[in-house]
Amino acid sequence: MKSSQIGKLAEEKAAEFLKNRGYQIVERNFRTKSGEIDIVACKDKTLVFVEVRFRSSKDFGLPEETLNRKKIQKIVNTAYRFISMKKS
């Protein structure tokens, strides 16, 4: 299976996980010049921005350990852009 197919499958599982916990999926694969957010979800009037990470082996640490400062800043900038675009 190609890595892009694995990524899509991981995003599907993440979306299903969120739905099963009462989140509404607002948008998937939101893209701007500043970056991409895999899933935007909402629950109890709170927006959640989700970066889906998949590891085929547990030997490499936790998924959140793959996020560096630059990637986090890109997610934050893209989240701000999403909010500003949806307010209008």
Protein backbone atom coordinates (compact mmCIF):
# COMPACT_ATOMS: atom_id res chain seq x y z
CA MET A 1 0.00 0.00 0.00
CA LYS A 2 1.33 3.47 -0.93
CA SER A 3 2.04 6.00 1.81
CA SER A 4 -0.65 8.34 0.40
CA GLN A 5 -3.19 5.51 0.70
CA ILE A 6 -2.05 4.78 4.25
CA GLY A 7 -2.38 8.48 5.08
CA LYS A 8 -5.93 8.61 3.73
CA LEU A 9 -6.85 5.50 5.69
CA ALA A 10 -5.38 7.01 8.86
CA GLU A 11 -7.40 10.20 8.30
CA GLU A 12 -10.57 8.17 7.79
CA LYS A 13 -9.96 6.31 11.05
CA ALA A 14 -9.25 9.58 12.87
CA ALA A 15 -12.46 11.16 11.54
CA GLU A 16 -14.45 8.10 12.57
CA PHE A 17 -12.83 8.19 16.01
CA LEU A 18 -13.88 11.82 16.44
CA LYS A 19 -17.43 11.21 15.18
CA ASN A 20 -17.84 8.33 17.63
CA ARG A 21 -16.95 10.74 20.43
CA GLY A 22 -19.54 13.31 19.43
CA TYR A 23 -17.49 15.61 17.21
CA GLN A 24 -18.91 17.01 14.01
CA ILE A 25 -16.44 17.04 11.13
CA VAL A 26 -16.48 20.59 9.78
CA GLU A 27 -13.85 20.21 7.08
CA ARG A 28 -11.19 17.82 5.86
CA ASN A 29 -7.85 18.67 4.24
CA PHE A 30 -8.18 22.43 4.60
CA ARG A 31 -5.34 23.97 2.58
CA THR A 32 -3.88 27.46 2.34
CA LYS A 33 -0.52 28.85 1.31
CA SER A 34 0.58 28.54 4.93
CA GLY A 35 -0.20 24.84 5.23
CA GLU A 36 -2.84 22.16 5.66
CA ILE A 37 -5.04 20.91 8.47
CA ASP A 38 -6.16 17.31 8.11
CA ILE A 39 -9.42 17.58 10.06
CA VAL A 40 -11.36 20.49 11.51
CA ALA A 41 -13.98 19.26 13.97
CA CYS A 42 -16.40 20.85 16.41
CA LYS A 43 -17.91 19.77 19.71
CA ASP A 44 -19.67 21.90 22.31
CA LYS A 45 -18.91 25.11 20.37
CA THR A 46 -15.18 24.32 20.39
CA LEU A 47 -13.23 23.99 17.14
CA VAL A 48 -10.54 21.34 17.10
CA PHE A 49 -7.74 21.31 14.53
CA VAL A 50 -6.38 17.80 14.00
CA GLU A 51 -3.05 16.79 12.48
CA VAL A 52 -3.19 13.07 11.74
CA ARG A 53 0.08 11.21 12.23
CA PHE A 54 0.58 7.54 11.48
CA ARG A 55 3.43 5.29 12.51
CA SER A 56 3.71 1.74 11.27
CA SER A 57 6.04 0.83 14.11
CA LYS A 58 5.96 1.76 17.78
CA ASP A 59 9.77 1.68 17.89
CA PHE A 60 10.03 5.29 16.77
CA GLY A 61 8.25 7.01 19.65
CA LEU A 62 4.94 8.80 19.90
CA PRO A 63 3.26 10.50 16.91
CA GLU A 64 3.36 13.90 18.62
CA GLU A 65 7.13 13.61 18.77
CA THR A 66 7.16 14.01 14.97
CA LEU A 67 5.85 17.59 15.22
CA ASN A 68 8.60 20.16 15.32
CA ARG A 69 8.22 23.85 16.12
CA LYS A 70 7.99 24.79 12.42
CA LYS A 71 5.18 22.29 11.73
CA ILE A 72 3.26 23.42 14.81
CA GLN A 73 3.55 27.05 13.70
CA LYS A 74 2.25 26.12 10.24
CA ILE A 75 -0.76 24.42 11.84
CA VAL A 76 -1.43 27.44 14.06
CA ASN A 77 -1.17 29.86 11.11
CA THR A 78 -3.48 27.69 9.02
CA ALA A 79 -5.97 27.45 11.91
CA TYR A 80 -6.01 31.26 12.20
CA ARG A 81 -6.60 31.46 8.45
CA PHE A 82 -9.48 28.97 8.68
CA ILE A 83 -11.12 31.01 11.44
CA SER A 84 -10.70 34.30 9.60
CA MET A 85 -12.09 32.84 6.36
CA LYS A 86 -15.12 31.26 8.06
CA LYS A 87 -15.99 34.40 10.05
CA SER A 88 -16.76 36.33 6.85
